[in-house]
Amino acid sequence: KINFDGVIKMIKTIEYSENLNLEKELARSQFSYDDVNETVENILKDVKKRGDKALFEYTKKFDKVDLKTLEVSEEEIQKAFDTIDKELLEVIKYSHDNIKLFHERQVRNNFIVKKENGVSLGQIINPIEKVGLYVPGGTAAYPSTVLMNAVPAKIAGCKEIIMVTPPTSDGTILPSLLVAAKIAGVDRIFKVGGAQSIAALSYGTESIPKVYKIVGPGNIYVAMAKKMVYGEVSIDMIAGPSEVLIIADDSANPVHVAADLLSQAEHDKLAASILVTNSKELAKNVAEQLEIQLKELEREEIARVSIETQGRIIVTKTIDEAIKISNEIAPEHLELAVSNPFELLTRVKNAGSIFMGHNTPEPLGDYLAGPNHTLPTSGTAKFSSPLSVDDFIKKSSFIYYSKEGLEEVKDKVIKFAESEGLTAHACSVSKRFEK
């Protein structure tokens, strides 16, 4: 541990060594499903059995609103366009265009490989026809989440994009969410949230159609519901609390680094904000800035708990050590606040999204840069990727053999099948050549 004289020890600061147990030291938050298991399971079963009636009851219970209909009308969407702040409307359009531009580059193509003797092999891409988007709602409005989920689905060619989001206490959906959904190409919107909305999308009700895949972030009840219905439908990922790791050298501005750490800390008391630096002076100045800037935040209480319990400053001898730590942690967001970010880029092996240099704060990615902000958390960037067009497609392979092509390989297929004891497999080939 490092103690800085005169600095409030609000964030734990440690010096890196080879024998440091990162997993134990960082105590990364993992979901504990035990306390919500029974509640979510009962909700899923109830909605599957009673459909819309259960949805109305859960909406009244959890959202404190007595709805008459679940689906958002065209009149409500038009009213949203009429009432939304016009400057915000232009920002949403700008963000949509950037996200669309980026994700259009992800589109995959069909291919075919032609071989001798009339043999053709190939792959065809088809969109997932029906997808469901979960968007947190109620008093919170996240139009960026609407765009990040709907735009790649639209580009992929999904025929039916269904959005669910909790209503406010007066039974409406905030205008920014409706406007973003319309701009992004969402087909239908329903005023239902929580585990009950995941059940509706998974099983279908009188009002809400069953979909083939569900994407989008939510609270632990939503996350648990998505995990439970996986297999009935597909899901994108189980997202944990937000996290940022900043690698910084002595060229970084401590005011900016502290602000970036706090931008994640205000999300959730379990959010993790980590600075890894080879500069003790920077570490000290960032610690000071955290205390100064925390007092300026509307969500100070949440951010303070996050910094005190999940935040860390790790001081290394070199930037090489910092890269090693980052690859082991595999952060959701990685900022390279160094003088030469492009020299480090190819050495980053595990990260959801990478923010380069001193003028690329993580919130750019949250809102409008273009790359998706639905990212792997809790170390899952070691084996998974950001949400993309690929999440909304499926691939089918196809094989065509002429009789001559099959005759050329028939003995090999028969040999392979017989070696596995599958004589019917062998016969399906051999019988085509019996006299």
Protein backbone atom coordinates (compact mmCIF):
# COMPACT_ATOMS: atom_id res chain seq x y z
CA LYS A 1 0.00 0.00 0.00
CA ILE A 2 1.08 3.58 -0.64
CA ASN A 3 0.28 6.40 1.76
CA PHE A 4 0.38 9.94 0.45
CA ASP A 5 0.93 12.56 3.13
CA GLY A 6 -1.93 15.05 3.20
CA VAL A 7 -4.11 13.05 0.82
CA ILE A 8 -7.44 11.74 2.07
CA LYS A 9 -7.19 7.96 1.79
CA MET A 10 -10.53 7.64 0.03
CA ILE A 11 -9.28 5.34 -2.74
CA LYS A 12 -7.04 2.39 -2.03
CA THR A 13 -3.62 2.87 -3.62
CA ILE A 14 -1.20 -0.02 -3.98
CA GLU A 15 2.20 -0.63 -5.51
CA TYR A 16 2.38 -3.40 -8.08
CA SER A 17 4.65 -6.38 -7.64
CA GLU A 18 4.85 -9.73 -9.40
CA ASN A 19 3.31 -11.56 -6.44
CA LEU A 20 0.31 -9.22 -6.20
CA ASN A 21 -2.92 -11.24 -6.36
CA LEU A 22 -4.98 -9.02 -8.65
CA GLU A 23 -8.15 -11.09 -8.40
CA LYS A 24 -8.10 -10.97 -4.62
CA GLU A 25 -6.95 -7.34 -4.42
CA LEU A 26 -9.59 -6.00 -6.77
CA ALA A 27 -12.37 -8.21 -5.38
CA ARG A 28 -14.31 -7.77 -8.58
CA SER A 29 -18.07 -7.79 -8.14
CA GLN A 30 -19.85 -10.86 -9.39
CA PHE A 31 -23.57 -11.47 -9.50
CA SER A 32 -25.08 -13.40 -6.63
CA TYR A 33 -28.36 -14.77 -7.90
CA ASP A 34 -29.50 -16.57 -4.77
CA ASP A 35 -31.59 -13.75 -3.35
CA VAL A 36 -33.48 -13.05 -6.59
CA ASN A 37 -33.72 -16.57 -8.01
CA GLU A 38 -37.08 -17.47 -6.55
CA THR A 39 -38.71 -14.12 -7.33
CA VAL A 40 -37.62 -14.14 -10.96
CA GLU A 41 -38.53 -17.78 -11.49
CA ASN A 42 -42.04 -17.18 -10.14
CA ILE A 43 -42.50 -14.13 -12.40
CA LEU A 44 -41.39 -16.07 -15.47
CA LYS A 45 -43.79 -18.93 -14.72
CA ASP A 46 -46.66 -16.55 -14.00
CA VAL A 47 -46.28 -14.55 -17.22
CA LYS A 48 -45.94 -17.75 -19.23
CA LYS A 49 -49.20 -18.98 -17.72
CA ARG A 50 -51.32 -15.81 -17.54
CA GLY A 51 -49.87 -13.58 -20.25
CA ASP A 52 -51.03 -9.96 -20.40
CA LYS A 53 -53.03 -10.23 -17.18
CA ALA A 54 -49.84 -10.95 -15.25
CA LEU A 55 -48.03 -8.08 -17.03
CA PHE A 56 -50.69 -5.57 -16.01
CA GLU A 57 -50.51 -6.75 -12.40
CA TYR A 58 -46.70 -6.61 -12.20
CA THR A 59 -46.66 -3.17 -13.80
CA LYS A 60 -49.09 -1.93 -11.15
CA LYS A 61 -47.06 -3.59 -8.39
CA PHE A 62 -43.55 -2.56 -9.43
CA ASP A 63 -44.06 0.59 -11.50
CA LYS A 64 -47.05 1.94 -9.55
CA VAL A 65 -49.15 2.52 -12.65
CA ASP A 66 -52.46 0.99 -13.72
CA LEU A 67 -52.21 0.62 -17.49
CA LYS A 68 -55.12 -0.01 -19.83
CA THR A 69 -52.98 -0.98 -22.83
CA LEU A 70 -49.39 -2.15 -23.07
CA GLU A 71 -48.37 -0.97 -26.53
CA VAL A 72 -47.23 2.56 -27.27
CA SER A 73 -49.45 4.18 -29.89
CA GLU A 74 -48.41 6.17 -32.95
CA GLU A 75 -50.06 9.20 -31.35
CA GLU A 76 -47.77 8.86 -28.33
CA ILE A 77 -44.72 8.66 -30.58
CA GLN A 78 -45.80 11.75 -32.52
CA LYS A 79 -46.37 13.62 -29.26
CA ALA A 80 -42.82 12.70 -28.22
CA PHE A 81 -41.45 14.33 -31.38
CA ASP A 82 -43.58 17.40 -30.72
CA THR A 83 -42.44 17.84 -27.12
CA ILE A 84 -38.81 16.71 -27.09
CA ASP A 85 -36.12 19.34 -26.68
CA LYS A 86 -35.11 20.18 -30.25
CA GLU A 87 -31.41 20.37 -29.44
CA LEU A 88 -31.57 16.90 -27.90
CA LEU A 89 -33.40 15.66 -30.99
CA GLU A 90 -30.52 16.82 -33.19
CA VAL A 91 -28.00 15.14 -30.86
CA ILE A 92 -29.93 11.85 -31.06
CA LYS A 93 -29.93 12.07 -34.87
CA TYR A 94 -26.18 12.82 -34.90
CA SER A 95 -25.49 9.89 -32.60
CA HIS A 96 -27.67 7.58 -34.72
CA ASP A 97 -25.76 8.50 -37.87
CA ASN A 98 -22.38 7.80 -36.24
CA ILE A 99 -23.53 4.46 -34.83
CA LYS A 100 -24.99 3.49 -38.20
CA LEU A 101 -21.80 4.47 -40.04
CA PHE A 102 -19.66 2.32 -37.73
CA HIS A 103 -21.91 -0.74 -37.66
CA GLU A 104 -22.48 -0.82 -41.42
CA ARG A 105 -18.80 -1.82 -41.72
CA GLN A 106 -19.55 -4.98 -39.74
CA VAL A 107 -21.88 -6.52 -42.31
CA ARG A 108 -20.80 -10.00 -43.37
CA ASN A 109 -21.15 -11.39 -46.88
CA ASN A 110 -22.27 -14.76 -48.19
CA PHE A 111 -19.56 -16.82 -49.85
CA ILE A 112 -19.25 -19.87 -52.06
CA VAL A 113 -16.24 -22.08 -52.74
CA LYS A 114 -16.32 -24.13 -55.94
CA LYS A 115 -14.11 -27.19 -56.19
CA GLU A 116 -13.52 -29.78 -58.88
CA ASN A 117 -16.08 -32.42 -59.95
CA GLY A 118 -19.10 -30.21 -59.34
CA VAL A 119 -18.55 -29.64 -55.62
CA SER A 120 -19.72 -26.37 -54.08
CA LEU A 121 -19.45 -25.26 -50.46
CA GLY A 122 -20.68 -22.02 -48.99
CA GLN A 123 -22.15 -19.94 -46.24
CA ILE A 124 -25.28 -17.81 -46.23
CA ILE A 125 -26.12 -15.07 -43.74
CA ASN A 126 -29.67 -14.53 -42.51
CA PRO A 127 -30.90 -12.01 -39.95
CA ILE A 128 -32.57 -13.17 -36.76
CA GLU A 129 -36.14 -12.40 -37.73
CA LYS A 130 -37.56 -11.30 -34.36
CA VAL A 131 -35.49 -9.58 -31.68
CA GLY A 132 -36.40 -7.96 -28.39
CA LEU A 133 -34.67 -4.91 -26.95
CA TYR A 134 -34.75 -4.24 -23.22
CA VAL A 135 -34.23 -0.58 -22.35
CA PRO A 136 -34.14 0.66 -18.74
CA GLY A 137 -36.86 3.25 -18.21
CA GLY A 138 -39.18 4.73 -15.62
CA THR A 139 -37.65 7.94 -14.28
CA ALA A 140 -34.35 7.23 -16.07
CA ALA A 141 -33.98 7.83 -19.78
CA TYR A 142 -31.26 6.16 -21.84
CA PRO A 143 -31.91 6.92 -25.50
CA SER A 144 -28.29 5.96 -26.18
CA THR A 145 -29.16 2.38 -25.17
CA VAL A 146 -32.04 2.37 -27.65
CA LEU A 147 -29.71 3.41 -30.47
CA MET A 148 -26.90 1.02 -29.55
CA ASN A 149 -29.26 -1.96 -29.59
CA ALA A 150 -31.64 -1.06 -32.40
CA VAL A 151 -29.22 0.27 -35.02
CA PRO A 152 -27.16 -2.94 -35.49
CA ALA A 153 -30.38 -4.99 -35.45
CA LYS A 154 -31.78 -2.83 -38.23
CA ILE A 155 -28.57 -3.04 -40.26
CA ALA A 156 -28.58 -6.83 -39.87
CA GLY A 157 -32.02 -6.90 -41.47
CA CYS A 158 -34.14 -8.09 -38.52
CA LYS A 159 -37.75 -8.03 -39.72
CA GLU A 160 -39.35 -7.35 -36.34
CA ILE A 161 -37.67 -5.28 -33.62
CA ILE A 162 -39.67 -5.19 -30.39
CA MET A 163 -38.72 -2.81 -27.56
CA VAL A 164 -39.82 -3.10 -23.94
CA THR A 165 -39.22 -0.44 -21.31
CA PRO A 166 -40.84 0.39 -17.94
CA PRO A 167 -43.36 3.27 -17.90
CA THR A 168 -43.19 6.36 -15.71
CA SER A 169 -45.68 6.79 -12.86
CA ASP A 170 -48.15 8.50 -15.20
CA GLY A 171 -48.11 5.58 -17.64
CA THR A 172 -46.00 7.21 -20.35
CA ILE A 173 -42.58 6.59 -21.86
CA LEU A 174 -40.12 9.47 -21.80
CA PRO A 175 -40.02 11.29 -25.16
CA SER A 176 -36.30 10.76 -25.74
CA LEU A 177 -36.75 6.98 -25.67
CA LEU A 178 -39.66 7.04 -28.12
CA VAL A 179 -37.88 9.40 -30.48
CA ALA A 180 -34.68 7.35 -30.45
CA ALA A 181 -36.66 4.16 -31.09
CA LYS A 182 -38.49 5.67 -34.05
CA ILE A 183 -35.29 7.07 -35.58
CA ALA A 184 -33.49 3.74 -35.14
CA GLY A 185 -36.28 1.71 -36.75
CA VAL A 186 -37.91 -0.07 -33.79
CA ASP A 187 -41.20 -1.61 -34.98
CA ARG A 188 -43.21 -1.88 -31.76
CA ILE A 189 -42.78 -0.53 -28.22
CA PHE A 190 -44.36 -1.87 -25.04
CA LYS A 191 -44.70 -0.29 -21.59
CA VAL A 192 -43.39 -3.15 -19.53
CA GLY A 193 -40.09 -3.70 -17.73
CA GLY A 194 -38.34 -5.98 -15.28
CA ALA A 195 -38.27 -9.77 -15.32
CA GLN A 196 -41.88 -9.77 -16.51
CA SER A 197 -40.90 -8.12 -19.81
CA ILE A 198 -38.19 -10.74 -20.40
CA ALA A 199 -40.81 -13.43 -19.81
CA ALA A 200 -43.17 -11.76 -22.29
CA LEU A 201 -40.51 -11.61 -24.99
CA SER A 202 -39.47 -15.21 -24.32
CA TYR A 203 -42.88 -16.87 -24.28
CA GLY A 204 -45.14 -14.36 -25.98
CA THR A 205 -48.43 -12.98 -24.61
CA GLU A 206 -51.68 -11.77 -26.15
CA SER A 207 -50.05 -8.40 -26.87
CA ILE A 208 -46.31 -9.03 -27.03
CA PRO A 209 -44.90 -11.40 -29.66
CA LYS A 210 -42.36 -14.05 -28.81
CA VAL A 211 -38.90 -13.16 -30.12
CA TYR A 212 -35.86 -15.26 -30.95
CA LYS A 213 -33.23 -13.16 -29.16
CA ILE A 214 -33.22 -10.59 -26.34
CA VAL A 215 -30.56 -7.89 -25.95
CA GLY A 216 -30.06 -4.91 -23.69
CA PRO A 217 -28.96 -4.08 -20.13
CA GLY A 218 -31.06 -4.08 -16.98
CA ASN A 219 -30.96 -4.54 -13.22
CA ILE A 220 -30.18 -7.82 -11.52
CA TYR A 221 -33.78 -9.05 -11.96
CA VAL A 222 -33.58 -8.46 -15.69
CA ALA A 223 -30.12 -10.06 -15.88
CA MET A 224 -31.29 -13.09 -13.95
CA ALA A 225 -34.40 -13.43 -16.10
CA LYS A 226 -32.27 -13.34 -19.26
CA LYS A 227 -30.05 -16.04 -17.85
CA MET A 228 -33.03 -18.24 -16.96
CA VAL A 229 -34.73 -17.98 -20.37
CA TYR A 230 -31.53 -18.65 -22.32
CA GLY A 231 -32.24 -21.71 -24.43
CA GLU A 232 -35.88 -20.73 -24.90
CA VAL A 233 -34.44 -17.68 -26.66
CA SER A 234 -30.93 -16.39 -27.24
CA ILE A 235 -29.47 -13.46 -25.29
CA ASP A 236 -26.58 -11.07 -25.84
CA MET A 237 -24.76 -11.29 -22.49
CA ILE A 238 -25.15 -11.09 -18.72
CA ALA A 239 -23.80 -7.62 -17.99
CA GLY A 240 -22.32 -6.77 -14.60
CA PRO A 241 -21.61 -3.38 -13.03
CA SER A 242 -19.83 -0.86 -15.24
CA GLU A 243 -16.04 -0.53 -15.09
CA VAL A 244 -13.21 1.57 -16.46
CA LEU A 245 -9.46 1.05 -16.31
CA ILE A 246 -7.19 3.95 -17.20
CA ILE A 247 -3.54 3.42 -18.10
CA ALA A 248 -1.81 6.78 -17.65
CA ASP A 249 1.73 8.10 -17.79
CA ASP A 250 3.11 11.43 -16.57
CA SER A 251 1.73 13.19 -19.66
CA ALA A 252 -1.84 12.72 -18.37
CA ASN A 253 -3.80 15.53 -16.71
CA PRO A 254 -4.89 14.40 -13.21
CA VAL A 255 -8.02 16.55 -13.40
CA HIS A 256 -9.14 14.72 -16.52
CA VAL A 257 -8.17 11.27 -15.23
CA ALA A 258 -10.15 11.81 -12.02
CA ALA A 259 -13.16 13.04 -13.99
CA ASP A 260 -13.05 9.93 -16.19
CA LEU A 261 -12.86 7.62 -13.17
CA LEU A 262 -15.88 9.35 -11.64
CA SER A 263 -17.86 9.11 -14.87
CA GLN A 264 -18.05 5.37 -14.26
CA ALA A 265 -18.32 5.54 -10.48
CA GLU A 266 -21.58 7.49 -10.67
CA HIS A 267 -23.27 4.61 -12.51
CA ASP A 268 -23.50 2.24 -9.58
CA LYS A 269 -22.07 1.67 -6.11
CA LEU A 270 -20.58 -1.56 -7.50
CA ALA A 271 -18.98 0.14 -10.53
CA ALA A 272 -15.19 -0.25 -10.64
CA SER A 273 -12.87 2.67 -11.51
CA ILE A 274 -9.19 1.74 -11.69
CA LEU A 275 -6.12 3.81 -12.50
CA VAL A 276 -2.87 2.07 -13.40
CA THR A 277 0.09 4.42 -13.73
CA ASN A 278 3.87 4.44 -13.62
CA SER A 279 3.85 7.92 -12.06
CA LYS A 280 3.54 8.28 -8.28
CA GLU A 281 3.08 12.00 -8.73
CA LEU A 282 0.12 11.46 -11.04
CA ALA A 283 -1.36 8.90 -8.64
CA LYS A 284 -1.18 11.39 -5.77
CA ASN A 285 -2.72 14.21 -7.81
CA VAL A 286 -5.55 12.01 -9.08
CA ALA A 287 -6.36 10.93 -5.52
CA GLU A 288 -6.58 14.60 -4.52
CA GLN A 289 -8.76 15.43 -7.51
CA LEU A 290 -11.18 12.62 -6.75
CA GLU A 291 -11.99 14.17 -3.39
CA ILE A 292 -12.34 17.64 -4.90
CA GLN A 293 -14.54 16.59 -7.82
CA LEU A 294 -16.74 14.19 -5.85
CA LYS A 295 -18.21 17.13 -3.96
CA GLU A 296 -19.37 18.65 -7.25
CA LEU A 297 -21.44 15.65 -8.36
CA GLU A 298 -25.21 15.27 -8.16
CA ARG A 299 -24.71 11.54 -7.62
CA GLU A 300 -21.95 12.03 -5.03
CA GLU A 301 -23.21 9.36 -2.66
CA ILE A 302 -23.21 6.63 -5.32
CA ALA A 303 -19.86 7.69 -6.77
CA ARG A 304 -18.22 7.97 -3.35
CA VAL A 305 -19.23 4.45 -2.33
CA SER A 306 -18.01 3.13 -5.69
CA ILE A 307 -14.61 4.85 -5.38
CA GLU A 308 -14.12 3.84 -1.74
CA THR A 309 -15.11 0.18 -2.16
CA GLN A 310 -14.34 -0.72 -5.79
CA GLY A 311 -11.87 1.96 -6.86
CA ARG A 312 -8.13 1.37 -6.99
CA ILE A 313 -4.95 3.18 -7.97
CA ILE A 314 -2.16 0.78 -8.89
CA VAL A 315 1.34 2.22 -9.24
CA THR A 316 3.71 0.29 -11.50
CA LYS A 317 7.34 0.73 -12.41
CA THR A 318 6.65 0.65 -16.14
CA ILE A 319 3.86 0.98 -18.68
CA ASP A 320 4.63 -2.61 -19.69
CA GLU A 321 3.45 -3.71 -16.26
CA ALA A 322 0.34 -1.56 -16.68
CA ILE A 323 -0.53 -3.33 -19.95
CA LYS A 324 -0.02 -6.70 -18.27
CA ILE A 325 -2.41 -5.74 -15.46
CA SER A 326 -5.00 -4.47 -17.92
CA ASN A 327 -4.92 -7.65 -19.99
CA GLU A 328 -5.43 -9.68 -16.84
CA ILE A 329 -8.36 -7.56 -15.64
CA ALA A 330 -9.92 -7.36 -19.16
CA PRO A 331 -11.88 -4.16 -18.48
CA GLU A 332 -15.14 -3.15 -20.08
CA HIS A 333 -13.69 0.29 -20.89
CA LEU A 334 -9.95 0.91 -21.28
CA GLU A 335 -8.51 4.40 -21.58
CA LEU A 336 -4.93 4.78 -22.83
CA ALA A 337 -4.15 8.21 -21.36
CA VAL A 338 -0.55 8.15 -22.52
CA SER A 339 1.59 10.13 -24.93
CA ASN A 340 1.81 7.26 -27.45
CA PRO A 341 -1.53 5.39 -27.39
CA PHE A 342 -1.21 3.87 -30.86
CA GLU A 343 2.07 2.23 -29.88
CA LEU A 344 0.22 0.41 -27.08
CA LEU A 345 -2.90 -0.49 -29.03
CA THR A 346 -1.64 -3.75 -30.55
CA ARG A 347 -0.52 -4.95 -27.13
CA VAL A 348 -4.01 -4.71 -25.69
CA LYS A 349 -5.46 -8.22 -25.87
CA ASN A 350 -8.48 -8.08 -23.55
CA ALA A 351 -10.78 -5.05 -23.44
CA GLY A 352 -14.33 -4.24 -24.46
CA SER A 353 -13.69 -0.79 -25.94
CA ILE A 354 -10.44 1.18 -26.07
CA PHE A 355 -10.23 4.97 -25.79
CA MET A 356 -7.06 6.48 -27.18
CA GLY A 357 -5.10 9.46 -25.92
CA HIS A 358 -5.87 12.45 -23.73
CA ASN A 359 -8.92 13.77 -25.59
CA THR A 360 -11.05 10.64 -25.81
CA PRO A 361 -13.00 10.29 -22.56
CA GLU A 362 -15.11 7.18 -22.14
CA PRO A 363 -18.48 9.03 -22.30
CA LEU A 364 -17.79 9.63 -26.01
CA GLY A 365 -18.33 5.91 -26.46
CA ASP A 366 -21.43 5.92 -24.28
CA TYR A 367 -23.26 8.39 -26.46
CA LEU A 368 -22.18 9.11 -29.99
CA ALA A 369 -18.72 8.16 -31.24
CA GLY A 370 -20.12 5.15 -33.11
CA PRO A 371 -18.80 1.87 -31.61
CA ASN A 372 -21.28 0.04 -29.45
CA HIS A 373 -21.49 0.77 -25.74
CA THR A 374 -22.96 -2.64 -24.84
CA LEU A 375 -19.72 -4.26 -23.73
CA PRO A 376 -18.45 -7.36 -21.89
CA THR A 377 -17.91 -6.78 -18.15
CA SER A 378 -16.38 -8.60 -15.17
CA GLY A 379 -13.43 -9.96 -17.14
CA THR A 380 -15.55 -11.51 -19.90
CA ALA A 381 -13.70 -9.40 -22.48
CA LYS A 382 -11.19 -12.25 -22.39
CA PHE A 383 -13.61 -14.28 -24.48
CA SER A 384 -16.47 -12.07 -25.67
CA SER A 385 -17.04 -8.93 -27.72
CA PRO A 386 -19.11 -5.74 -27.86
CA LEU A 387 -22.63 -5.95 -29.23
CA SER A 388 -22.50 -5.80 -33.01
CA VAL A 389 -24.31 -6.67 -36.21
CA ASP A 390 -23.01 -10.22 -35.69
CA ASP A 391 -25.33 -10.55 -32.68
CA PHE A 392 -28.36 -10.16 -34.94
CA ILE A 393 -27.47 -12.64 -37.66
CA LYS A 394 -27.09 -16.36 -38.00
CA LYS A 395 -25.01 -18.35 -40.44
CA SER A 396 -25.98 -21.45 -42.39
CA SER A 397 -23.53 -23.54 -44.36
CA PHE A 398 -24.49 -25.36 -47.55
CA ILE A 399 -22.92 -28.29 -49.39
CA TYR A 400 -23.50 -29.52 -52.94
CA TYR A 401 -21.81 -32.63 -54.40
CA SER A 402 -22.34 -33.98 -57.91
CA LYS A 403 -22.35 -37.78 -58.32
CA GLU A 404 -18.77 -37.58 -59.57
CA GLY A 405 -17.73 -35.52 -56.58
CA LEU A 406 -19.32 -37.96 -54.14
CA GLU A 407 -17.76 -40.96 -55.89
CA GLU A 408 -14.32 -39.42 -55.48
CA VAL A 409 -14.62 -39.25 -51.66
CA LYS A 410 -17.06 -42.10 -50.92
CA ASP A 411 -14.45 -44.52 -49.64
CA LYS A 412 -13.07 -41.90 -47.25
CA VAL A 413 -16.52 -41.16 -45.82
CA ILE A 414 -17.26 -44.88 -45.43
CA LYS A 415 -13.91 -45.46 -43.71
CA PHE A 416 -14.53 -42.60 -41.28
CA ALA A 417 -18.09 -43.75 -40.49
CA GLU A 418 -17.05 -47.38 -39.91
CA SER A 419 -14.21 -46.28 -37.64
CA GLU A 420 -16.83 -44.64 -35.40
CA GLY A 421 -19.11 -47.66 -35.50
CA LEU A 422 -21.81 -45.82 -37.45
CA THR A 423 -22.61 -48.30 -40.20
CA ALA A 424 -25.84 -46.56 -41.24
CA HIS A 425 -23.77 -43.46 -41.98
CA ALA A 426 -21.53 -45.60 -44.19
CA CYS A 427 -24.53 -47.18 -45.91
CA SER A 428 -26.07 -43.81 -46.78
CA VAL A 429 -23.06 -43.32 -49.06
CA SER A 430 -22.31 -46.86 -50.23
CA LYS A 431 -25.88 -47.62 -51.32
CA ARG A 432 -25.72 -44.82 -53.86
CA PHE A 433 -23.10 -46.86 -55.76
CA GLU A 434 -24.58 -50.35 -55.55
CA LYS A 435 -25.26 -51.99 -58.89
